[in-house]
Amino acid sequence: NRTRFIEEFFTTEKTYVEGVQFMCEDYLDHLVALANAHDAGDEKPVMPLSAIYGVFGNIREIFKIHAKFFDAIKVWFNENGNIIMRGNPFLAKVGEPTQTVIMRDGLIEEQYEW
């Protein structure tokens, strides 16, 4: 059913954003700090900065896009991840306007379709 699908989508996006945030803040930042300490002669590197950025590429930009998208959709869900039914554009009936959140160049645009 549509409601269950939307709730699962919300839960999956929430878990993804939390995981990428953890990877950026706890794992990537720690690796970069170790590589920088090595460059200063303090520590043995886990891997050089070039390898770290080669592996993680633009993960911070990906995180920002998904976090912004998640912030836009979470207003339609309660603290348990259950969809709020009243006035929710995800559950619009046929014949009523449907709001679509679109990501373009890292920006969120809202589009309404009839």
Protein backbone atom coordinates (compact mmCIF):
# COMPACT_ATOMS: atom_id res chain seq x y z
CA ASN A 1 0.00 0.00 0.00
CA ARG A 2 1.08 3.54 -0.71
CA THR A 3 1.32 4.67 2.92
CA ARG A 4 3.56 1.74 3.87
CA PHE A 5 5.82 2.39 0.87
CA ILE A 6 6.20 6.07 1.79
CA GLU A 7 6.95 5.22 5.43
CA GLU A 8 9.58 2.70 4.30
CA PHE A 9 11.09 5.31 1.97
CA PHE A 10 11.27 7.78 4.88
CA THR A 11 12.89 5.21 7.20
CA THR A 12 15.43 4.22 4.53
CA GLU A 13 16.36 7.84 3.81
CA LYS A 14 16.69 8.59 7.54
CA THR A 15 18.98 5.59 8.06
CA TYR A 16 21.05 6.54 5.00
CA VAL A 17 21.49 10.15 6.15
CA GLU A 18 22.48 9.02 9.65
CA GLY A 19 24.98 6.52 8.23
CA VAL A 20 26.61 8.99 5.85
CA GLN A 21 26.76 11.59 8.61
CA PHE A 22 28.52 9.09 10.88
CA MET A 23 30.93 8.19 8.09
CA CYS A 24 31.78 11.87 7.47
CA GLU A 25 32.00 13.05 11.07
CA ASP A 26 33.44 10.05 12.86
CA TYR A 27 35.32 8.03 10.28
CA LEU A 28 36.43 10.41 7.51
CA ASP A 29 37.38 13.24 9.88
CA HIS A 30 39.44 10.80 11.96
CA LEU A 31 41.27 9.47 8.88
CA VAL A 32 42.03 13.00 7.69
CA ALA A 33 43.31 13.97 11.15
CA LEU A 34 45.61 10.93 11.18
CA ALA A 35 46.91 11.74 7.71
CA ASN A 36 47.53 15.35 8.71
CA ALA A 37 49.32 14.24 11.89
CA HIS A 38 51.54 12.01 9.75
CA ASP A 39 52.33 14.93 7.47
CA ALA A 40 53.42 16.83 10.60
CA GLY A 41 55.60 13.85 11.57
CA ASP A 42 53.51 12.81 14.58
CA GLU A 43 51.76 9.61 13.52
CA LYS A 44 51.98 6.71 11.13
CA PRO A 45 49.32 7.23 8.42
CA VAL A 46 46.44 4.85 7.95
CA MET A 47 46.38 6.05 4.36
CA PRO A 48 47.59 9.20 2.59
CA LEU A 49 45.23 12.13 2.04
CA SER A 50 45.13 11.50 -1.72
CA ALA A 51 43.88 7.95 -1.11
CA ILE A 52 41.33 9.12 1.47
CA TYR A 53 39.86 11.67 -0.94
CA GLY A 54 40.05 9.12 -3.77
CA VAL A 55 37.94 6.67 -1.77
CA PHE A 56 35.50 9.15 -0.24
CA GLY A 57 35.38 11.60 -3.15
CA ASN A 58 32.47 13.97 -2.72
CA ILE A 59 30.74 12.14 0.15
CA ARG A 60 30.28 15.40 2.09
CA GLU A 61 28.39 16.97 -0.83
CA ILE A 62 26.26 13.83 -1.16
CA PHE A 63 25.51 14.06 2.56
CA LYS A 64 24.47 17.72 2.28
CA ILE A 65 22.05 16.95 -0.57
CA HIS A 66 20.45 14.00 1.22
CA ALA A 67 20.28 15.86 4.55
CA LYS A 68 18.54 18.80 2.86
CA PHE A 69 16.11 16.45 1.12
CA PHE A 70 15.43 14.58 4.37
CA ASP A 71 14.80 17.87 6.20
CA ALA A 72 12.25 18.77 3.50
CA ILE A 73 10.30 15.50 3.83
CA LYS A 74 10.52 14.86 7.58
CA VAL A 75 7.86 17.45 8.36
CA TRP A 76 5.32 14.94 6.99
CA PHE A 77 6.26 12.23 9.49
CA ASN A 78 5.94 11.92 13.26
CA GLU A 79 8.79 10.97 15.63
CA ASN A 80 8.09 7.26 15.02
CA GLY A 81 8.45 7.59 11.25
CA ASN A 82 4.71 7.20 10.64
CA ILE A 83 3.24 9.40 7.95
CA ILE A 84 1.05 12.33 8.97
CA MET A 85 -2.12 11.84 7.00
CA ARG A 86 -3.84 15.22 7.09
CA GLY A 87 -2.74 17.57 4.29
CA ASN A 88 0.17 15.36 3.26
CA PRO A 89 1.13 15.93 -0.40
CA PHE A 90 2.51 12.38 -0.65
CA LEU A 91 -1.02 11.03 -0.20
CA ALA A 92 -2.96 13.40 -2.45
CA LYS A 93 -5.98 11.87 -4.15
CA VAL A 94 -6.42 11.80 -7.91
CA GLY A 95 -7.72 15.18 -9.03
CA GLU A 96 -5.98 17.08 -6.23
CA PRO A 97 -2.61 18.78 -6.65
CA THR A 98 0.40 16.62 -5.88
CA GLN A 99 3.55 18.22 -4.50
CA THR A 100 6.82 16.81 -5.76
CA VAL A 101 10.19 17.61 -4.21
CA ILE A 102 12.86 17.74 -6.91
CA MET A 103 16.62 17.89 -6.41
CA ARG A 104 18.50 19.97 -8.99
CA ASP A 105 22.11 21.01 -8.54
CA GLY A 106 21.85 20.41 -4.80
CA LEU A 107 18.80 22.64 -4.42
CA ILE A 108 15.30 21.56 -3.49
CA GLU A 109 12.49 22.78 -5.71
CA GLU A 110 8.83 22.15 -5.12
CA GLN A 111 6.64 21.36 -8.08
CA TYR A 112 2.88 20.92 -8.10
CA GLU A 113 1.10 18.70 -10.61
CA TRP A 114 -2.65 18.37 -11.21
